[in-house]
Amino acid sequence: DRNNMSLIIIGTVSAALLAIILSS
């Protein structure tokens, strides 16, 4: 919404890391 790439990266990377940790 705010065209803020940093927020998108933080949300995406956090979700990916959470998926990796729980999967492990």
PDBML (XML) file of the C-alpha atoms, coordinates in Angstrom:
<?xml version="1.0" encoding="UTF-8" ?>
<PDBx:datablock datablockName="MODEL"
   xmlns:PDBx="http://pdbml.pdb.org/schema/pdbx-v50.xsd"
   xmlns:xsi="http://www.w3.org/2001/XMLSchema-instance"
   xsi:schemaLocation="http://pdbml.pdb.org/schema/pdbx-v50.xsd pdbx-v50.xsd">
   <PDBx:atom_siteCategory>
      <PDBx:atom_site id="1">
         <PDBx:B_iso_or_equiv>0.00</PDBx:B_iso_or_equiv>
         <PDBx:Cartn_x>0.000</PDBx:Cartn_x>
         <PDBx:Cartn_y>0.000</PDBx:Cartn_y>
         <PDBx:Cartn_z>0.000</PDBx:Cartn_z>
         <PDBx:auth_asym_id>A</PDBx:auth_asym_id>
         <PDBx:auth_atom_id>CA</PDBx:auth_atom_id>
         <PDBx:auth_comp_id>ASP</PDBx:auth_comp_id>
         <PDBx:auth_seq_id>1</PDBx:auth_seq_id>
         <PDBx:group_PDB>ATOM</PDBx:group_PDB>
         <PDBx:label_alt_id xsi:nil="true" />
         <PDBx:label_asym_id>A</PDBx:label_asym_id>
         <PDBx:label_atom_id>CA</PDBx:label_atom_id>
         <PDBx:label_comp_id>ASP</PDBx:label_comp_id>
         <PDBx:label_entity_id>1</PDBx:label_entity_id>
         <PDBx:label_seq_id>1</PDBx:label_seq_id>
         <PDBx:occupancy>1.00</PDBx:occupancy>
         <PDBx:pdbx_PDB_model_num>1</PDBx:pdbx_PDB_model_num>
         <PDBx:type_symbol>C</PDBx:type_symbol>
      </PDBx:atom_site>
      <PDBx:atom_site id="2">
         <PDBx:B_iso_or_equiv>0.00</PDBx:B_iso_or_equiv>
         <PDBx:Cartn_x>2.825</PDBx:Cartn_x>
         <PDBx:Cartn_y>2.416</PDBx:Cartn_y>
         <PDBx:Cartn_z>0.830</PDBx:Cartn_z>
         <PDBx:auth_asym_id>A</PDBx:auth_asym_id>
         <PDBx:auth_atom_id>CA</PDBx:auth_atom_id>
         <PDBx:auth_comp_id>ARG</PDBx:auth_comp_id>
         <PDBx:auth_seq_id>2</PDBx:auth_seq_id>
         <PDBx:group_PDB>ATOM</PDBx:group_PDB>
         <PDBx:label_alt_id xsi:nil="true" />
         <PDBx:label_asym_id>A</PDBx:label_asym_id>
         <PDBx:label_atom_id>CA</PDBx:label_atom_id>
         <PDBx:label_comp_id>ARG</PDBx:label_comp_id>
         <PDBx:label_entity_id>1</PDBx:label_entity_id>
         <PDBx:label_seq_id>2</PDBx:label_seq_id>
         <PDBx:occupancy>1.00</PDBx:occupancy>
         <PDBx:pdbx_PDB_model_num>1</PDBx:pdbx_PDB_model_num>
         <PDBx:type_symbol>C</PDBx:type_symbol>
      </PDBx:atom_site>
      <PDBx:atom_site id="3">
         <PDBx:B_iso_or_equiv>0.00</PDBx:B_iso_or_equiv>
         <PDBx:Cartn_x>5.200</PDBx:Cartn_x>
         <PDBx:Cartn_y>1.148</PDBx:Cartn_y>
         <PDBx:Cartn_z>-1.854</PDBx:Cartn_z>
         <PDBx:auth_asym_id>A</PDBx:auth_asym_id>
         <PDBx:auth_atom_id>CA</PDBx:auth_atom_id>
         <PDBx:auth_comp_id>ASN</PDBx:auth_comp_id>
         <PDBx:auth_seq_id>3</PDBx:auth_seq_id>
         <PDBx:group_PDB>ATOM</PDBx:group_PDB>
         <PDBx:label_alt_id xsi:nil="true" />
         <PDBx:label_asym_id>A</PDBx:label_asym_id>
         <PDBx:label_atom_id>CA</PDBx:label_atom_id>
         <PDBx:label_comp_id>ASN</PDBx:label_comp_id>
         <PDBx:label_entity_id>1</PDBx:label_entity_id>
         <PDBx:label_seq_id>3</PDBx:label_seq_id>
         <PDBx:occupancy>1.00</PDBx:occupancy>
         <PDBx:pdbx_PDB_model_num>1</PDBx:pdbx_PDB_model_num>
         <PDBx:type_symbol>C</PDBx:type_symbol>
      </PDBx:atom_site>
      <PDBx:atom_site id="4">
         <PDBx:B_iso_or_equiv>0.00</PDBx:B_iso_or_equiv>
         <PDBx:Cartn_x>7.671</PDBx:Cartn_x>
         <PDBx:Cartn_y>0.338</PDBx:Cartn_y>
         <PDBx:Cartn_z>0.924</PDBx:Cartn_z>
         <PDBx:auth_asym_id>A</PDBx:auth_asym_id>
         <PDBx:auth_atom_id>CA</PDBx:auth_atom_id>
         <PDBx:auth_comp_id>ASN</PDBx:auth_comp_id>
         <PDBx:auth_seq_id>4</PDBx:auth_seq_id>
         <PDBx:group_PDB>ATOM</PDBx:group_PDB>
         <PDBx:label_alt_id xsi:nil="true" />
         <PDBx:label_asym_id>A</PDBx:label_asym_id>
         <PDBx:label_atom_id>CA</PDBx:label_atom_id>
         <PDBx:label_comp_id>ASN</PDBx:label_comp_id>
         <PDBx:label_entity_id>1</PDBx:label_entity_id>
         <PDBx:label_seq_id>4</PDBx:label_seq_id>
         <PDBx:occupancy>1.00</PDBx:occupancy>
         <PDBx:pdbx_PDB_model_num>1</PDBx:pdbx_PDB_model_num>
         <PDBx:type_symbol>C</PDBx:type_symbol>
      </PDBx:atom_site>
      <PDBx:atom_site id="5">
         <PDBx:B_iso_or_equiv>0.00</PDBx:B_iso_or_equiv>
         <PDBx:Cartn_x>9.917</PDBx:Cartn_x>
         <PDBx:Cartn_y>-2.539</PDBx:Cartn_y>
         <PDBx:Cartn_z>-0.166</PDBx:Cartn_z>
         <PDBx:auth_asym_id>A</PDBx:auth_asym_id>
         <PDBx:auth_atom_id>CA</PDBx:auth_atom_id>
         <PDBx:auth_comp_id>MET</PDBx:auth_comp_id>
         <PDBx:auth_seq_id>5</PDBx:auth_seq_id>
         <PDBx:group_PDB>ATOM</PDBx:group_PDB>
         <PDBx:label_alt_id xsi:nil="true" />
         <PDBx:label_asym_id>A</PDBx:label_asym_id>
         <PDBx:label_atom_id>CA</PDBx:label_atom_id>
         <PDBx:label_comp_id>MET</PDBx:label_comp_id>
         <PDBx:label_entity_id>1</PDBx:label_entity_id>
         <PDBx:label_seq_id>5</PDBx:label_seq_id>
         <PDBx:occupancy>1.00</PDBx:occupancy>
         <PDBx:pdbx_PDB_model_num>1</PDBx:pdbx_PDB_model_num>
         <PDBx:type_symbol>C</PDBx:type_symbol>
      </PDBx:atom_site>
      <PDBx:atom_site id="6">
         <PDBx:B_iso_or_equiv>0.00</PDBx:B_iso_or_equiv>
         <PDBx:Cartn_x>11.458</PDBx:Cartn_x>
         <PDBx:Cartn_y>-2.858</PDBx:Cartn_y>
         <PDBx:Cartn_z>3.306</PDBx:Cartn_z>
         <PDBx:auth_asym_id>A</PDBx:auth_asym_id>
         <PDBx:auth_atom_id>CA</PDBx:auth_atom_id>
         <PDBx:auth_comp_id>SER</PDBx:auth_comp_id>
         <PDBx:auth_seq_id>6</PDBx:auth_seq_id>
         <PDBx:group_PDB>ATOM</PDBx:group_PDB>
         <PDBx:label_alt_id xsi:nil="true" />
         <PDBx:label_asym_id>A</PDBx:label_asym_id>
         <PDBx:label_atom_id>CA</PDBx:label_atom_id>
         <PDBx:label_comp_id>SER</PDBx:label_comp_id>
         <PDBx:label_entity_id>1</PDBx:label_entity_id>
         <PDBx:label_seq_id>6</PDBx:label_seq_id>
         <PDBx:occupancy>1.00</PDBx:occupancy>
         <PDBx:pdbx_PDB_model_num>1</PDBx:pdbx_PDB_model_num>
         <PDBx:type_symbol>C</PDBx:type_symbol>
      </PDBx:atom_site>
      <PDBx:atom_site id="7">
         <PDBx:B_iso_or_equiv>0.00</PDBx:B_iso_or_equiv>
         <PDBx:Cartn_x>8.103</PDBx:Cartn_x>
         <PDBx:Cartn_y>-3.743</PDBx:Cartn_y>
         <PDBx:Cartn_z>4.897</PDBx:Cartn_z>
         <PDBx:auth_asym_id>A</PDBx:auth_asym_id>
         <PDBx:auth_atom_id>CA</PDBx:auth_atom_id>
         <PDBx:auth_comp_id>LEU</PDBx:auth_comp_id>
         <PDBx:auth_seq_id>7</PDBx:auth_seq_id>
         <PDBx:group_PDB>ATOM</PDBx:group_PDB>
         <PDBx:label_alt_id xsi:nil="true" />
         <PDBx:label_asym_id>A</PDBx:label_asym_id>
         <PDBx:label_atom_id>CA</PDBx:label_atom_id>
         <PDBx:label_comp_id>LEU</PDBx:label_comp_id>
         <PDBx:label_entity_id>1</PDBx:label_entity_id>
         <PDBx:label_seq_id>7</PDBx:label_seq_id>
         <PDBx:occupancy>1.00</PDBx:occupancy>
         <PDBx:pdbx_PDB_model_num>1</PDBx:pdbx_PDB_model_num>
         <PDBx:type_symbol>C</PDBx:type_symbol>
      </PDBx:atom_site>
      <PDBx:atom_site id="8">
         <PDBx:B_iso_or_equiv>0.00</PDBx:B_iso_or_equiv>
         <PDBx:Cartn_x>7.405</PDBx:Cartn_x>
         <PDBx:Cartn_y>-6.292</PDBx:Cartn_y>
         <PDBx:Cartn_z>2.161</PDBx:Cartn_z>
         <PDBx:auth_asym_id>A</PDBx:auth_asym_id>
         <PDBx:auth_atom_id>CA</PDBx:auth_atom_id>
         <PDBx:auth_comp_id>ILE</PDBx:auth_comp_id>
         <PDBx:auth_seq_id>8</PDBx:auth_seq_id>
         <PDBx:group_PDB>ATOM</PDBx:group_PDB>
         <PDBx:label_alt_id xsi:nil="true" />
         <PDBx:label_asym_id>A</PDBx:label_asym_id>
         <PDBx:label_atom_id>CA</PDBx:label_atom_id>
         <PDBx:label_comp_id>ILE</PDBx:label_comp_id>
         <PDBx:label_entity_id>1</PDBx:label_entity_id>
         <PDBx:label_seq_id>8</PDBx:label_seq_id>
         <PDBx:occupancy>1.00</PDBx:occupancy>
         <PDBx:pdbx_PDB_model_num>1</PDBx:pdbx_PDB_model_num>
         <PDBx:type_symbol>C</PDBx:type_symbol>
      </PDBx:atom_site>
      <PDBx:atom_site id="9">
         <PDBx:B_iso_or_equiv>0.00</PDBx:B_iso_or_equiv>
         <PDBx:Cartn_x>10.813</PDBx:Cartn_x>
         <PDBx:Cartn_y>-7.921</PDBx:Cartn_y>
         <PDBx:Cartn_z>2.629</PDBx:Cartn_z>
         <PDBx:auth_asym_id>A</PDBx:auth_asym_id>
         <PDBx:auth_atom_id>CA</PDBx:auth_atom_id>
         <PDBx:auth_comp_id>ILE</PDBx:auth_comp_id>
         <PDBx:auth_seq_id>9</PDBx:auth_seq_id>
         <PDBx:group_PDB>ATOM</PDBx:group_PDB>
         <PDBx:label_alt_id xsi:nil="true" />
         <PDBx:label_asym_id>A</PDBx:label_asym_id>
         <PDBx:label_atom_id>CA</PDBx:label_atom_id>
         <PDBx:label_comp_id>ILE</PDBx:label_comp_id>
         <PDBx:label_entity_id>1</PDBx:label_entity_id>
         <PDBx:label_seq_id>9</PDBx:label_seq_id>
         <PDBx:occupancy>1.00</PDBx:occupancy>
         <PDBx:pdbx_PDB_model_num>1</PDBx:pdbx_PDB_model_num>
         <PDBx:type_symbol>C</PDBx:type_symbol>
      </PDBx:atom_site>
      <PDBx:atom_site id="10">
         <PDBx:B_iso_or_equiv>0.00</PDBx:B_iso_or_equiv>
         <PDBx:Cartn_x>10.450</PDBx:Cartn_x>
         <PDBx:Cartn_y>-8.036</PDBx:Cartn_y>
         <PDBx:Cartn_z>6.437</PDBx:Cartn_z>
         <PDBx:auth_asym_id>A</PDBx:auth_asym_id>
         <PDBx:auth_atom_id>CA</PDBx:auth_atom_id>
         <PDBx:auth_comp_id>ILE</PDBx:auth_comp_id>
         <PDBx:auth_seq_id>10</PDBx:auth_seq_id>
         <PDBx:group_PDB>ATOM</PDBx:group_PDB>
         <PDBx:label_alt_id xsi:nil="true" />
         <PDBx:label_asym_id>A</PDBx:label_asym_id>
         <PDBx:label_atom_id>CA</PDBx:label_atom_id>
         <PDBx:label_comp_id>ILE</PDBx:label_comp_id>
         <PDBx:label_entity_id>1</PDBx:label_entity_id>
         <PDBx:label_seq_id>10</PDBx:label_seq_id>
         <PDBx:occupancy>1.00</PDBx:occupancy>
         <PDBx:pdbx_PDB_model_num>1</PDBx:pdbx_PDB_model_num>
         <PDBx:type_symbol>C</PDBx:type_symbol>
      </PDBx:atom_site>
      <PDBx:atom_site id="11">
         <PDBx:B_iso_or_equiv>0.00</PDBx:B_iso_or_equiv>
         <PDBx:Cartn_x>7.018</PDBx:Cartn_x>
         <PDBx:Cartn_y>-9.670</PDBx:Cartn_y>
         <PDBx:Cartn_z>6.233</PDBx:Cartn_z>
         <PDBx:auth_asym_id>A</PDBx:auth_asym_id>
         <PDBx:auth_atom_id>CA</PDBx:auth_atom_id>
         <PDBx:auth_comp_id>GLY</PDBx:auth_comp_id>
         <PDBx:auth_seq_id>11</PDBx:auth_seq_id>
         <PDBx:group_PDB>ATOM</PDBx:group_PDB>
         <PDBx:label_alt_id xsi:nil="true" />
         <PDBx:label_asym_id>A</PDBx:label_asym_id>
         <PDBx:label_atom_id>CA</PDBx:label_atom_id>
         <PDBx:label_comp_id>GLY</PDBx:label_comp_id>
         <PDBx:label_entity_id>1</PDBx:label_entity_id>
         <PDBx:label_seq_id>11</PDBx:label_seq_id>
         <PDBx:occupancy>1.00</PDBx:occupancy>
         <PDBx:pdbx_PDB_model_num>1</PDBx:pdbx_PDB_model_num>
         <PDBx:type_symbol>C</PDBx:type_symbol>
      </PDBx:atom_site>
      <PDBx:atom_site id="12">
         <PDBx:B_iso_or_equiv>0.00</PDBx:B_iso_or_equiv>
         <PDBx:Cartn_x>8.026</PDBx:Cartn_x>
         <PDBx:Cartn_y>-12.128</PDBx:Cartn_y>
         <PDBx:Cartn_z>3.492</PDBx:Cartn_z>
         <PDBx:auth_asym_id>A</PDBx:auth_asym_id>
         <PDBx:auth_atom_id>CA</PDBx:auth_atom_id>
         <PDBx:auth_comp_id>THR</PDBx:auth_comp_id>
         <PDBx:auth_seq_id>12</PDBx:auth_seq_id>
         <PDBx:group_PDB>ATOM</PDBx:group_PDB>
         <PDBx:label_alt_id xsi:nil="true" />
         <PDBx:label_asym_id>A</PDBx:label_asym_id>
         <PDBx:label_atom_id>CA</PDBx:label_atom_id>
         <PDBx:label_comp_id>THR</PDBx:label_comp_id>
         <PDBx:label_entity_id>1</PDBx:label_entity_id>
         <PDBx:label_seq_id>12</PDBx:label_seq_id>
         <PDBx:occupancy>1.00</PDBx:occupancy>
         <PDBx:pdbx_PDB_model_num>1</PDBx:pdbx_PDB_model_num>
         <PDBx:type_symbol>C</PDBx:type_symbol>
      </PDBx:atom_site>
      <PDBx:atom_site id="13">
         <PDBx:B_iso_or_equiv>0.00</PDBx:B_iso_or_equiv>
         <PDBx:Cartn_x>11.344</PDBx:Cartn_x>
         <PDBx:Cartn_y>-13.180</PDBx:Cartn_y>
         <PDBx:Cartn_z>5.034</PDBx:Cartn_z>
         <PDBx:auth_asym_id>A</PDBx:auth_asym_id>
         <PDBx:auth_atom_id>CA</PDBx:auth_atom_id>
         <PDBx:auth_comp_id>VAL</PDBx:auth_comp_id>
         <PDBx:auth_seq_id>13</PDBx:auth_seq_id>
         <PDBx:group_PDB>ATOM</PDBx:group_PDB>
         <PDBx:label_alt_id xsi:nil="true" />
         <PDBx:label_asym_id>A</PDBx:label_asym_id>
         <PDBx:label_atom_id>CA</PDBx:label_atom_id>
         <PDBx:label_comp_id>VAL</PDBx:label_comp_id>
         <PDBx:label_entity_id>1</PDBx:label_entity_id>
         <PDBx:label_seq_id>13</PDBx:label_seq_id>
         <PDBx:occupancy>1.00</PDBx:occupancy>
         <PDBx:pdbx_PDB_model_num>1</PDBx:pdbx_PDB_model_num>
         <PDBx:type_symbol>C</PDBx:type_symbol>
      </PDBx:atom_site>
      <PDBx:atom_site id="14">
         <PDBx:B_iso_or_equiv>0.00</PDBx:B_iso_or_equiv>
         <PDBx:Cartn_x>9.768</PDBx:Cartn_x>
         <PDBx:Cartn_y>-13.570</PDBx:Cartn_y>
         <PDBx:Cartn_z>8.484</PDBx:Cartn_z>
         <PDBx:auth_asym_id>A</PDBx:auth_asym_id>
         <PDBx:auth_atom_id>CA</PDBx:auth_atom_id>
         <PDBx:auth_comp_id>SER</PDBx:auth_comp_id>
         <PDBx:auth_seq_id>14</PDBx:auth_seq_id>
         <PDBx:group_PDB>ATOM</PDBx:group_PDB>
         <PDBx:label_alt_id xsi:nil="true" />
         <PDBx:label_asym_id>A</PDBx:label_asym_id>
         <PDBx:label_atom_id>CA</PDBx:label_atom_id>
         <PDBx:label_comp_id>SER</PDBx:label_comp_id>
         <PDBx:label_entity_id>1</PDBx:label_entity_id>
         <PDBx:label_seq_id>14</PDBx:label_seq_id>
         <PDBx:occupancy>1.00</PDBx:occupancy>
         <PDBx:pdbx_PDB_model_num>1</PDBx:pdbx_PDB_model_num>
         <PDBx:type_symbol>C</PDBx:type_symbol>
      </PDBx:atom_site>
      <PDBx:atom_site id="15">
         <PDBx:B_iso_or_equiv>0.00</PDBx:B_iso_or_equiv>
         <PDBx:Cartn_x>7.042</PDBx:Cartn_x>
         <PDBx:Cartn_y>-15.842</PDBx:Cartn_y>
         <PDBx:Cartn_z>7.075</PDBx:Cartn_z>
         <PDBx:auth_asym_id>A</PDBx:auth_asym_id>
         <PDBx:auth_atom_id>CA</PDBx:auth_atom_id>
         <PDBx:auth_comp_id>ALA</PDBx:auth_comp_id>
         <PDBx:auth_seq_id>15</PDBx:auth_seq_id>
         <PDBx:group_PDB>ATOM</PDBx:group_PDB>
         <PDBx:label_alt_id xsi:nil="true" />
         <PDBx:label_asym_id>A</PDBx:label_asym_id>
         <PDBx:label_atom_id>CA</PDBx:label_atom_id>
         <PDBx:label_comp_id>ALA</PDBx:label_comp_id>
         <PDBx:label_entity_id>1</PDBx:label_entity_id>
         <PDBx:label_seq_id>15</PDBx:label_seq_id>
         <PDBx:occupancy>1.00</PDBx:occupancy>
         <PDBx:pdbx_PDB_model_num>1</PDBx:pdbx_PDB_model_num>
         <PDBx:type_symbol>C</PDBx:type_symbol>
      </PDBx:atom_site>
      <PDBx:atom_site id="16">
         <PDBx:B_iso_or_equiv>0.00</PDBx:B_iso_or_equiv>
         <PDBx:Cartn_x>9.617</PDBx:Cartn_x>
         <PDBx:Cartn_y>-17.893</PDBx:Cartn_y>
         <PDBx:Cartn_z>5.169</PDBx:Cartn_z>
         <PDBx:auth_asym_id>A</PDBx:auth_asym_id>
         <PDBx:auth_atom_id>CA</PDBx:auth_atom_id>
         <PDBx:auth_comp_id>ALA</PDBx:auth_comp_id>
         <PDBx:auth_seq_id>16</PDBx:auth_seq_id>
         <PDBx:group_PDB>ATOM</PDBx:group_PDB>
         <PDBx:label_alt_id xsi:nil="true" />
         <PDBx:label_asym_id>A</PDBx:label_asym_id>
         <PDBx:label_atom_id>CA</PDBx:label_atom_id>
         <PDBx:label_comp_id>ALA</PDBx:label_comp_id>
         <PDBx:label_entity_id>1</PDBx:label_entity_id>
         <PDBx:label_seq_id>16</PDBx:label_seq_id>
         <PDBx:occupancy>1.00</PDBx:occupancy>
         <PDBx:pdbx_PDB_model_num>1</PDBx:pdbx_PDB_model_num>
         <PDBx:type_symbol>C</PDBx:type_symbol>
      </PDBx:atom_site>
      <PDBx:atom_site id="17">
         <PDBx:B_iso_or_equiv>0.00</PDBx:B_iso_or_equiv>
         <PDBx:Cartn_x>11.840</PDBx:Cartn_x>
         <PDBx:Cartn_y>-18.281</PDBx:Cartn_y>
         <PDBx:Cartn_z>8.249</PDBx:Cartn_z>
         <PDBx:auth_asym_id>A</PDBx:auth_asym_id>
         <PDBx:auth_atom_id>CA</PDBx:auth_atom_id>
         <PDBx:auth_comp_id>LEU</PDBx:auth_comp_id>
         <PDBx:auth_seq_id>17</PDBx:auth_seq_id>
         <PDBx:group_PDB>ATOM</PDBx:group_PDB>
         <PDBx:label_alt_id xsi:nil="true" />
         <PDBx:label_asym_id>A</PDBx:label_asym_id>
         <PDBx:label_atom_id>CA</PDBx:label_atom_id>
         <PDBx:label_comp_id>LEU</PDBx:label_comp_id>
         <PDBx:label_entity_id>1</PDBx:label_entity_id>
         <PDBx:label_seq_id>17</PDBx:label_seq_id>
         <PDBx:occupancy>1.00</PDBx:occupancy>
         <PDBx:pdbx_PDB_model_num>1</PDBx:pdbx_PDB_model_num>
         <PDBx:type_symbol>C</PDBx:type_symbol>
      </PDBx:atom_site>
      <PDBx:atom_site id="18">
         <PDBx:B_iso_or_equiv>0.00</PDBx:B_iso_or_equiv>
         <PDBx:Cartn_x>8.853</PDBx:Cartn_x>
         <PDBx:Cartn_y>-19.268</PDBx:Cartn_y>
         <PDBx:Cartn_z>10.365</PDBx:Cartn_z>
         <PDBx:auth_asym_id>A</PDBx:auth_asym_id>
         <PDBx:auth_atom_id>CA</PDBx:auth_atom_id>
         <PDBx:auth_comp_id>LEU</PDBx:auth_comp_id>
         <PDBx:auth_seq_id>18</PDBx:auth_seq_id>
         <PDBx:group_PDB>ATOM</PDBx:group_PDB>
         <PDBx:label_alt_id xsi:nil="true" />
         <PDBx:label_asym_id>A</PDBx:label_asym_id>
         <PDBx:label_atom_id>CA</PDBx:label_atom_id>
         <PDBx:label_comp_id>LEU</PDBx:label_comp_id>
         <PDBx:label_entity_id>1</PDBx:label_entity_id>
         <PDBx:label_seq_id>18</PDBx:label_seq_id>
         <PDBx:occupancy>1.00</PDBx:occupancy>
         <PDBx:pdbx_PDB_model_num>1</PDBx:pdbx_PDB_model_num>
         <PDBx:type_symbol>C</PDBx:type_symbol>
      </PDBx:atom_site>
      <PDBx:atom_site id="19">
         <PDBx:B_iso_or_equiv>0.00</PDBx:B_iso_or_equiv>
         <PDBx:Cartn_x>7.929</PDBx:Cartn_x>
         <PDBx:Cartn_y>-21.954</PDBx:Cartn_y>
         <PDBx:Cartn_z>7.818</PDBx:Cartn_z>
         <PDBx:auth_asym_id>A</PDBx:auth_asym_id>
         <PDBx:auth_atom_id>CA</PDBx:auth_atom_id>
         <PDBx:auth_comp_id>ALA</PDBx:auth_comp_id>
         <PDBx:auth_seq_id>19</PDBx:auth_seq_id>
         <PDBx:group_PDB>ATOM</PDBx:group_PDB>
         <PDBx:label_alt_id xsi:nil="true" />
         <PDBx:label_asym_id>A</PDBx:label_asym_id>
         <PDBx:label_atom_id>CA</PDBx:label_atom_id>
         <PDBx:label_comp_id>ALA</PDBx:label_comp_id>
         <PDBx:label_entity_id>1</PDBx:label_entity_id>
         <PDBx:label_seq_id>19</PDBx:label_seq_id>
         <PDBx:occupancy>1.00</PDBx:occupancy>
         <PDBx:pdbx_PDB_model_num>1</PDBx:pdbx_PDB_model_num>
         <PDBx:type_symbol>C</PDBx:type_symbol>
      </PDBx:atom_site>
      <PDBx:atom_site id="20">
         <PDBx:B_iso_or_equiv>0.00</PDBx:B_iso_or_equiv>
         <PDBx:Cartn_x>11.508</PDBx:Cartn_x>
         <PDBx:Cartn_y>-23.300</PDBx:Cartn_y>
         <PDBx:Cartn_z>7.753</PDBx:Cartn_z>
         <PDBx:auth_asym_id>A</PDBx:auth_asym_id>
         <PDBx:auth_atom_id>CA</PDBx:auth_atom_id>
         <PDBx:auth_comp_id>ILE</PDBx:auth_comp_id>
         <PDBx:auth_seq_id>20</PDBx:auth_seq_id>
         <PDBx:group_PDB>ATOM</PDBx:group_PDB>
         <PDBx:label_alt_id xsi:nil="true" />
         <PDBx:label_asym_id>A</PDBx:label_asym_id>
         <PDBx:label_atom_id>CA</PDBx:label_atom_id>
         <PDBx:label_comp_id>ILE</PDBx:label_comp_id>
         <PDBx:label_entity_id>1</PDBx:label_entity_id>
         <PDBx:label_seq_id>20</PDBx:label_seq_id>
         <PDBx:occupancy>1.00</PDBx:occupancy>
         <PDBx:pdbx_PDB_model_num>1</PDBx:pdbx_PDB_model_num>
         <PDBx:type_symbol>C</PDBx:type_symbol>
      </PDBx:atom_site>
      <PDBx:atom_site id="21">
         <PDBx:B_iso_or_equiv>0.00</PDBx:B_iso_or_equiv>
         <PDBx:Cartn_x>11.794</PDBx:Cartn_x>
         <PDBx:Cartn_y>-23.409</PDBx:Cartn_y>
         <PDBx:Cartn_z>11.552</PDBx:Cartn_z>
         <PDBx:auth_asym_id>A</PDBx:auth_asym_id>
         <PDBx:auth_atom_id>CA</PDBx:auth_atom_id>
         <PDBx:auth_comp_id>ILE</PDBx:auth_comp_id>
         <PDBx:auth_seq_id>21</PDBx:auth_seq_id>
         <PDBx:group_PDB>ATOM</PDBx:group_PDB>
         <PDBx:label_alt_id xsi:nil="true" />
         <PDBx:label_asym_id>A</PDBx:label_asym_id>
         <PDBx:label_atom_id>CA</PDBx:label_atom_id>
         <PDBx:label_comp_id>ILE</PDBx:label_comp_id>
         <PDBx:label_entity_id>1</PDBx:label_entity_id>
         <PDBx:label_seq_id>21</PDBx:label_seq_id>
         <PDBx:occupancy>1.00</PDBx:occupancy>
         <PDBx:pdbx_PDB_model_num>1</PDBx:pdbx_PDB_model_num>
         <PDBx:type_symbol>C</PDBx:type_symbol>
      </PDBx:atom_site>
      <PDBx:atom_site id="22">
         <PDBx:B_iso_or_equiv>0.00</PDBx:B_iso_or_equiv>
         <PDBx:Cartn_x>8.460</PDBx:Cartn_x>
         <PDBx:Cartn_y>-25.178</PDBx:Cartn_y>
         <PDBx:Cartn_z>12.063</PDBx:Cartn_z>
         <PDBx:auth_asym_id>A</PDBx:auth_asym_id>
         <PDBx:auth_atom_id>CA</PDBx:auth_atom_id>
         <PDBx:auth_comp_id>LEU</PDBx:auth_comp_id>
         <PDBx:auth_seq_id>22</PDBx:auth_seq_id>
         <PDBx:group_PDB>ATOM</PDBx:group_PDB>
         <PDBx:label_alt_id xsi:nil="true" />
         <PDBx:label_asym_id>A</PDBx:label_asym_id>
         <PDBx:label_atom_id>CA</PDBx:label_atom_id>
         <PDBx:label_comp_id>LEU</PDBx:label_comp_id>
         <PDBx:label_entity_id>1</PDBx:label_entity_id>
         <PDBx:label_seq_id>22</PDBx:label_seq_id>
         <PDBx:occupancy>1.00</PDBx:occupancy>
         <PDBx:pdbx_PDB_model_num>1</PDBx:pdbx_PDB_model_num>
         <PDBx:type_symbol>C</PDBx:type_symbol>
      </PDBx:atom_site>
      <PDBx:atom_site id="23">
         <PDBx:B_iso_or_equiv>0.00</PDBx:B_iso_or_equiv>
         <PDBx:Cartn_x>9.156</PDBx:Cartn_x>
         <PDBx:Cartn_y>-27.595</PDBx:Cartn_y>
         <PDBx:Cartn_z>9.212</PDBx:Cartn_z>
         <PDBx:auth_asym_id>A</PDBx:auth_asym_id>
         <PDBx:auth_atom_id>CA</PDBx:auth_atom_id>
         <PDBx:auth_comp_id>SER</PDBx:auth_comp_id>
         <PDBx:auth_seq_id>23</PDBx:auth_seq_id>
         <PDBx:group_PDB>ATOM</PDBx:group_PDB>
         <PDBx:label_alt_id xsi:nil="true" />
         <PDBx:label_asym_id>A</PDBx:label_asym_id>
         <PDBx:label_atom_id>CA</PDBx:label_atom_id>
         <PDBx:label_comp_id>SER</PDBx:label_comp_id>
         <PDBx:label_entity_id>1</PDBx:label_entity_id>
         <PDBx:label_seq_id>23</PDBx:label_seq_id>
         <PDBx:occupancy>1.00</PDBx:occupancy>
         <PDBx:pdbx_PDB_model_num>1</PDBx:pdbx_PDB_model_num>
         <PDBx:type_symbol>C</PDBx:type_symbol>
      </PDBx:atom_site>
      <PDBx:atom_site id="24">
         <PDBx:B_iso_or_equiv>0.00</PDBx:B_iso_or_equiv>
         <PDBx:Cartn_x>12.541</PDBx:Cartn_x>
         <PDBx:Cartn_y>-28.465</PDBx:Cartn_y>
         <PDBx:Cartn_z>10.761</PDBx:Cartn_z>
         <PDBx:auth_asym_id>A</PDBx:auth_asym_id>
         <PDBx:auth_atom_id>CA</PDBx:auth_atom_id>
         <PDBx:auth_comp_id>SER</PDBx:auth_comp_id>
         <PDBx:auth_seq_id>24</PDBx:auth_seq_id>
         <PDBx:group_PDB>ATOM</PDBx:group_PDB>
         <PDBx:label_alt_id xsi:nil="true" />
         <PDBx:label_asym_id>A</PDBx:label_asym_id>
         <PDBx:label_atom_id>CA</PDBx:label_atom_id>
         <PDBx:label_comp_id>SER</PDBx:label_comp_id>
         <PDBx:label_entity_id>1</PDBx:label_entity_id>
         <PDBx:label_seq_id>24</PDBx:label_seq_id>
         <PDBx:occupancy>1.00</PDBx:occupancy>
         <PDBx:pdbx_PDB_model_num>1</PDBx:pdbx_PDB_model_num>
         <PDBx:type_symbol>C</PDBx:type_symbol>
      </PDBx:atom_site>
   </PDBx:atom_siteCategory>
</PDBx:datablock>
